[in-house]
Amino acid sequence: MKTSGDVTIYDVAKALNLSPSTVSRALRDHPYIKKETKRKILSVAGEMGYRHNKFASNLRQKHTNTIGVVVPRLNSYFMASALAGIEKVASENGYGMIITQTQESWRKEMSCVSTLFSSRVDGLLVSLAFETKNMDHFDIFFKKEIPVIFFDRFGC
């Protein structure tokens, strides 16, 4: 049998002889699924160790409700205050944050931006590193029309 991290809606559906779409709807508490069917699905899913795969769901929905934040350093009062404000507004609007730190390095900034792009963030907030003289590494966001907002330091 699969480990708990590997159980999918297809496994739960097979165990109950139901369609994967029925299982998916029940797990999302869809009103068209009978209460008794939902109860059975939730019970079997729990026994099998099913966990919602947020990554797969985000791929289908084409958004992650996550904002990437790139900052030079985390150890200043200004940056701590800025991050607290960003987090407050993001959280109030159903978004999470991934915070990266460049240590004022252009190379590290490029790596952070690439990682955040691969993480499929829905937008990017950036305070440029002191070493940044070229902003080509943001082109992957611009080409995909993913919002990028520069704050504190911007432009080259």
Protein backbone atom coordinates (compact mmCIF):
# COMPACT_ATOMS: atom_id res chain seq x y z
CA MET A 1 0.00 0.00 0.00
CA LYS A 2 1.14 3.56 -0.65
CA THR A 3 2.54 5.77 2.09
CA SER A 4 0.28 8.49 3.49
CA GLY A 5 1.93 11.22 1.40
CA ASP A 6 1.27 9.36 -1.82
CA VAL A 7 -2.48 8.74 -1.48
CA THR A 8 -4.46 10.52 -4.20
CA ILE A 9 -8.14 11.05 -4.90
CA TYR A 10 -7.76 8.29 -7.49
CA ASP A 11 -6.72 5.85 -4.77
CA VAL A 12 -9.67 6.85 -2.58
CA ALA A 13 -12.03 6.58 -5.57
CA LYS A 14 -10.74 3.11 -6.42
CA ALA A 15 -11.15 1.93 -2.81
CA LEU A 16 -14.78 3.09 -2.82
CA ASN A 17 -15.56 2.19 -6.44
CA LEU A 18 -16.45 5.83 -7.15
CA SER A 19 -15.31 8.29 -9.77
CA PRO A 20 -12.39 10.59 -8.91
CA SER A 21 -14.61 13.60 -9.65
CA THR A 22 -17.13 12.43 -7.02
CA VAL A 23 -14.33 12.05 -4.47
CA SER A 24 -12.92 15.46 -5.37
CA ARG A 25 -16.32 17.12 -5.01
CA ALA A 26 -16.96 15.41 -1.68
CA LEU A 27 -13.58 16.50 -0.33
CA ARG A 28 -14.43 20.08 -1.33
CA ASP A 29 -17.87 19.75 0.36
CA HIS A 30 -19.78 20.22 -2.89
CA PRO A 31 -23.55 20.47 -2.31
CA TYR A 32 -24.40 17.94 -5.05
CA ILE A 33 -22.78 15.06 -3.14
CA LYS A 34 -25.03 13.30 -0.64
CA LYS A 35 -24.08 13.65 3.02
CA GLU A 36 -23.73 9.88 3.49
CA THR A 37 -21.42 9.65 0.46
CA LYS A 38 -19.33 12.55 1.79
CA ARG A 39 -19.09 10.85 5.18
CA LYS A 40 -17.87 7.59 3.61
CA ILE A 41 -15.35 9.37 1.40
CA LEU A 42 -13.99 11.46 4.27
CA SER A 43 -13.73 8.38 6.47
CA VAL A 44 -11.88 6.27 3.90
CA ALA A 45 -9.67 9.19 2.85
CA GLY A 46 -8.70 9.70 6.50
CA GLU A 47 -7.99 6.00 7.02
CA MET A 48 -5.84 5.90 3.89
CA GLY A 49 -3.90 9.00 4.96
CA TYR A 50 -5.07 11.21 2.09
CA ARG A 51 -3.74 14.78 2.20
CA HIS A 52 -4.91 17.58 -0.07
CA ASN A 53 -2.26 18.30 -2.72
CA LYS A 54 -2.22 22.08 -2.76
CA PHE A 55 0.47 22.18 -5.44
CA ALA A 56 -1.63 20.12 -7.89
CA SER A 57 -4.68 22.22 -7.09
CA ASN A 58 -2.72 25.43 -7.70
CA LEU A 59 -1.56 24.14 -11.08
CA ARG A 60 -5.15 23.48 -12.13
CA GLN A 61 -6.34 26.87 -10.87
CA LYS A 62 -3.33 28.69 -12.38
CA HIS A 63 -2.61 30.63 -9.19
CA THR A 64 -1.02 29.92 -5.82
CA ASN A 65 -2.26 32.79 -3.65
CA THR A 66 1.38 33.36 -2.80
CA ILE A 67 3.42 36.54 -3.16
CA GLY A 68 7.19 36.46 -3.45
CA VAL A 69 9.19 39.08 -1.59
CA VAL A 70 12.86 39.81 -2.32
CA VAL A 71 14.74 41.96 0.19
CA PRO A 72 18.43 42.79 0.60
CA ARG A 73 18.53 42.12 4.36
CA LEU A 74 16.08 41.16 7.05
CA ASN A 75 17.92 42.86 9.90
CA SER A 76 16.71 46.45 9.58
CA TYR A 77 13.78 48.13 11.28
CA PHE A 78 12.54 49.47 7.94
CA MET A 79 12.52 46.04 6.28
CA ALA A 80 10.90 44.38 9.30
CA SER A 81 8.17 47.04 9.26
CA ALA A 82 7.71 46.75 5.48
CA LEU A 83 7.42 42.95 5.71
CA ALA A 84 4.93 43.20 8.58
CA GLY A 85 2.77 45.54 6.50
CA ILE A 86 3.03 43.37 3.39
CA GLU A 87 2.12 40.26 5.38
CA LYS A 88 -0.87 41.98 6.99
CA VAL A 89 -2.35 43.08 3.67
CA ALA A 90 -1.50 39.78 1.95
CA SER A 91 -3.06 37.73 4.76
CA GLU A 92 -6.22 39.87 4.82
CA ASN A 93 -6.62 39.09 1.12
CA GLY A 94 -6.00 35.34 1.37
CA TYR A 95 -2.36 35.36 0.25
CA GLY A 96 0.74 33.86 1.80
CA MET A 97 4.31 35.06 1.35
CA ILE A 98 7.65 33.57 0.49
CA ILE A 99 10.41 35.87 1.71
CA THR A 100 13.91 35.68 0.24
CA GLN A 101 17.04 37.59 1.24
CA THR A 102 19.80 38.58 -1.18
CA GLN A 103 22.49 39.71 1.28
CA GLU A 104 22.97 42.64 -1.15
CA SER A 105 24.25 40.20 -3.82
CA TRP A 106 23.12 40.49 -7.44
CA ARG A 107 23.87 36.78 -8.01
CA LYS A 108 21.83 35.80 -4.96
CA GLU A 109 19.02 38.09 -6.17
CA MET A 110 19.00 36.28 -9.52
CA SER A 111 18.77 32.95 -7.67
CA CYS A 112 15.94 34.21 -5.43
CA VAL A 113 13.97 35.52 -8.40
CA SER A 114 14.42 32.21 -10.25
CA THR A 115 13.30 30.23 -7.19
CA LEU A 116 10.22 32.40 -6.73
CA PHE A 117 9.34 32.05 -10.41
CA SER A 118 9.67 28.26 -10.12
CA SER A 119 7.46 28.40 -7.03
CA ARG A 120 4.80 30.00 -9.24
CA VAL A 121 4.22 33.05 -7.09
CA ASP A 122 1.35 35.25 -8.25
CA GLY A 123 3.35 38.44 -7.87
CA LEU A 124 6.67 39.79 -6.71
CA LEU A 125 7.64 42.63 -4.37
CA VAL A 126 11.30 43.60 -4.67
CA SER A 127 13.81 45.81 -2.93
CA LEU A 128 16.88 45.50 -5.14
CA ALA A 129 20.27 44.39 -3.89
CA PHE A 130 22.96 47.06 -3.70
CA GLU A 131 25.02 45.16 -6.33
CA THR A 132 22.17 45.05 -8.87
CA LYS A 133 23.13 46.87 -12.05
CA ASN A 134 21.19 44.72 -14.53
CA MET A 135 17.55 43.71 -14.13
CA ASP A 136 17.26 41.14 -16.92
CA HIS A 137 16.52 38.39 -14.39
CA PHE A 138 13.04 39.90 -13.90
CA ASP A 139 12.19 39.40 -17.59
CA ILE A 140 10.72 35.94 -16.87
CA PHE A 141 8.06 37.66 -14.76
CA PHE A 142 7.46 40.46 -17.25
CA LYS A 143 7.07 38.00 -20.16
CA LYS A 144 4.45 36.02 -18.23
CA GLU A 145 2.75 39.27 -17.16
CA ILE A 146 3.24 38.41 -13.49
CA PRO A 147 3.07 41.65 -11.48
CA VAL A 148 6.38 42.95 -10.13
CA ILE A 149 6.49 45.91 -7.75
CA PHE A 150 9.77 47.51 -6.76
CA PHE A 151 9.98 49.32 -3.43
CA ASP A 152 12.65 51.09 -1.37
CA ARG A 153 15.30 50.66 -4.09
CA PHE A 154 14.42 50.40 -7.75
CA GLY A 155 15.87 50.96 -11.18
CA CYS A 156 19.47 50.71 -12.24
